[in-house]
C-alpha atoms as a PDB file:
ATOM      1  CA  UNK A   1      72.710  14.048  29.728  1.00  0.00           C
ATOM      2  CA  UNK A   2      75.562  13.899  32.201  1.00  0.00           C
ATOM      3  CA  UNK A   3      77.874  15.468  29.617  1.00  0.00           C
ATOM      4  CA  UNK A   4      75.496  18.419  29.204  1.00  0.00           C
ATOM      5  CA  UNK A   5      75.398  18.848  32.983  1.00  0.00           C
ATOM      6  CA  UNK A   6      79.216  18.923  33.187  1.00  0.00           C
ATOM      7  CA  UNK A   7      79.406  21.373  30.282  1.00  0.00           C
ATOM      8  CA  UNK A   8      76.933  23.697  31.997  1.00  0.00           C
ATOM      9  CA  UNK A   9      78.952  23.585  35.206  1.00  0.00           C
ATOM     10  CA  UNK A  10      82.164  24.251  33.289  1.00  0.00           C
ATOM     11  CA  UNK A  11      80.513  27.174  31.487  1.00  0.00           C
ATOM     12  CA  UNK A  12      79.417  28.707  34.821  1.00  0.00           C
ATOM     13  CA  UNK A  13      82.902  28.291  36.291  1.00  0.00           C
ATOM     14  CA  UNK A  14      84.573  29.928  33.285  1.00  0.00           C
ATOM     15  CA  UNK A  15      82.033  32.770  33.345  1.00  0.00           C
ATOM     16  CA  UNK A  16      82.640  33.326  37.085  1.00  0.00           C
ATOM     17  CA  UNK A  17      86.445  33.354  36.664  1.00  0.00           C
ATOM     18  CA  UNK A  18      86.215  35.868  33.810  1.00  0.00           C
ATOM     19  CA  UNK A  19      83.911  38.085  35.867  1.00  0.00           C
ATOM     20  CA  UNK A  20      86.301  37.914  38.830  1.00  0.00           C
ATOM     21  CA  UNK A  21      89.254  38.857  36.606  1.00  0.00           C
ATOM     22  CA  UNK A  22      87.311  41.862  35.294  1.00  0.00           C
ATOM     23  CA  UNK A  23      86.572  42.975  38.855  1.00  0.00           C
ATOM     24  CA  UNK A  24      90.232  42.529  39.803  1.00  0.00           C
ATOM     25  CA  UNK A  25      91.205  44.794  36.904  1.00  0.00           C
ATOM     26  CA  UNK A  26      88.734  47.461  38.039  1.00  0.00           C
ATOM     27  CA  UNK A  27      90.040  47.188  41.613  1.00  0.00           C
ATOM     28  CA  UNK A  28      93.647  47.588  40.459  1.00  0.00           C
ATOM     29  CA  UNK A  29      92.781  50.712  38.489  1.00  0.00           C
ATOM     30  CA  UNK A  30      91.023  52.235  41.498  1.00  0.00           C
ATOM     31  CA  UNK A  31      93.969  51.411  43.768  1.00  0.00           C
ATOM     32  CA  UNK A  32      96.383  52.941  41.238  1.00  0.00           C
ATOM     33  CA  UNK A  33      94.322  56.130  40.893  1.00  0.00           C
ATOM     34  CA  UNK A  34      93.999  56.483  44.670  1.00  0.00           C
ATOM     35  CA  UNK A  35      97.747  55.975  45.088  1.00  0.00           C
ATOM     36  CA  UNK A  36      98.500  58.576  42.448  1.00  0.00           C
ATOM     37  CA  UNK A  37      96.241  61.126  44.152  1.00  0.00           C
ATOM     38  CA  UNK A  38      97.841  60.386  47.539  1.00  0.00           C
ATOM     39  CA  UNK A  39     101.338  60.814  46.102  1.00  0.00           C
ATOM     40  CA  UNK A  40     100.434  64.104  44.373  1.00  0.00           C
ATOM     41  CA  UNK A  41      99.080  65.571  47.593  1.00  0.00           C
ATOM     42  CA  UNK A  42     102.068  64.281  49.582  1.00  0.00           C
ATOM     43  CA  UNK A  43     104.511  65.866  47.123  1.00  0.00           C
ATOM     44  CA  UNK A  44     102.507  69.104  47.093  1.00  0.00           C
ATOM     45  CA  UNK A  45     102.884  69.180  50.894  1.00  0.00           C
ATOM     46  CA  UNK A  46     106.630  68.492  50.421  1.00  0.00           C
ATOM     47  CA  UNK A  47     106.592  65.356  52.546  1.00  0.00           C
ATOM     48  CA  UNK A  48     108.557  62.176  52.086  1.00  0.00           C
ATOM     49  CA  UNK A  49     106.836  58.821  52.415  1.00  0.00           C
ATOM     50  CA  UNK A  50     108.596  58.366  55.729  1.00  0.00           C
ATOM     51  CA  UNK A  51     107.426  61.730  57.058  1.00  0.00           C
ATOM     52  CA  UNK A  52     103.855  60.993  55.990  1.00  0.00           C
ATOM     53  CA  UNK A  53     103.959  57.542  57.525  1.00  0.00           C
ATOM     54  CA  UNK A  54     105.222  58.973  60.814  1.00  0.00           C
ATOM     55  CA  UNK A  55     102.471  61.601  60.885  1.00  0.00           C
ATOM     56  CA  UNK A  56      99.789  59.037  59.993  1.00  0.00           C
ATOM     57  CA  UNK A  57     101.216  56.330  62.295  1.00  0.00           C
ATOM     58  CA  UNK A  58     101.362  53.910  59.344  1.00  0.00           C
ATOM     59  CA  UNK A  59     104.416  51.941  58.229  1.00  0.00           C
ATOM     60  CA  UNK A  60     106.372  53.537  55.369  1.00  0.00           C
ATOM     61  CA  UNK A  61     106.211  50.415  53.211  1.00  0.00           C
ATOM     62  CA  UNK A  62     102.416  50.441  53.575  1.00  0.00           C
ATOM     63  CA  UNK A  63     102.314  54.045  52.301  1.00  0.00           C
ATOM     64  CA  UNK A  64     104.589  53.028  49.420  1.00  0.00           C
ATOM     65  CA  UNK A  65     102.264  50.129  48.632  1.00  0.00           C
ATOM     66  CA  UNK A  66      99.247  52.435  48.569  1.00  0.00           C
ATOM     67  CA  UNK A  67     101.003  54.955  46.344  1.00  0.00           C
ATOM     68  CA  UNK A  68     102.095  52.141  44.035  1.00  0.00           C
ATOM     69  CA  UNK A  69      98.532  50.898  43.708  1.00  0.00           C
ATOM     70  CA  UNK A  70      99.336  47.569  45.354  1.00  0.00           C
ATOM     71  CA  UNK A  71      97.454  48.058  48.637  1.00  0.00           C
ATOM     72  CA  UNK A  72      93.799  48.547  49.497  1.00  0.00           C
ATOM     73  CA  UNK A  73      93.875  50.920  52.470  1.00  0.00           C
ATOM     74  CA  UNK A  74      91.235  50.605  55.160  1.00  0.00           C
ATOM     75  CA  UNK A  75      88.928  53.495  55.933  1.00  0.00           C
ATOM     76  CA  UNK A  76      90.807  54.021  59.209  1.00  0.00           C
ATOM     77  CA  UNK A  77      94.095  54.438  57.343  1.00  0.00           C
ATOM     78  CA  UNK A  78      92.556  56.717  54.716  1.00  0.00           C
ATOM     79  CA  UNK A  79      91.359  59.016  57.502  1.00  0.00           C
ATOM     80  CA  UNK A  80      94.792  58.891  59.144  1.00  0.00           C
ATOM     81  CA  UNK A  81      96.476  59.804  55.859  1.00  0.00           C
ATOM     82  CA  UNK A  82      94.073  62.690  55.207  1.00  0.00           C
ATOM     83  CA  UNK A  83      94.616  64.055  58.721  1.00  0.00           C
ATOM     84  CA  UNK A  84      98.387  63.717  58.385  1.00  0.00           C
ATOM     85  CA  UNK A  85      98.274  65.602  55.076  1.00  0.00           C
ATOM     86  CA  UNK A  86      95.980  68.265  56.517  1.00  0.00           C
ATOM     87  CA  UNK A  87      93.282  67.701  53.878  1.00  0.00           C
ATOM     88  CA  UNK A  88      89.667  66.615  53.961  1.00  0.00           C
ATOM     89  CA  UNK A  89      89.188  62.912  53.351  1.00  0.00           C
ATOM     90  CA  UNK A  90      87.107  63.774  50.283  1.00  0.00           C
ATOM     91  CA  UNK A  91      90.155  65.310  48.601  1.00  0.00           C
ATOM     92  CA  UNK A  92      91.735  61.862  48.385  1.00  0.00           C
ATOM     93  CA  UNK A  93      88.730  60.715  46.340  1.00  0.00           C
ATOM     94  CA  UNK A  94      88.160  63.787  44.146  1.00  0.00           C
ATOM     95  CA  UNK A  95      89.516  62.348  40.896  1.00  0.00           C
ATOM     96  CA  UNK A  96      88.553  58.703  41.293  1.00  0.00           C
END
């Protein structure tokens, strides 16, 4: 009986870890898509990462991390980036 209990617990743990890994994969894809959109708009506006970061009052390496899909920007920073680019916030989400 104890063995069955341990197996059930192990099964739940494995199921939870697999579910978390699937969510992490979805998150990474969203971050990558958002970063790609941000970079396209930045290049269209003919701005460097440094110029954008100065306008948005965000560190350049943070902008690079967002564009690379490695960072999850806060809502505050998304609004700052949109304002710095002179676009509506919605434009950063159009193709997600």
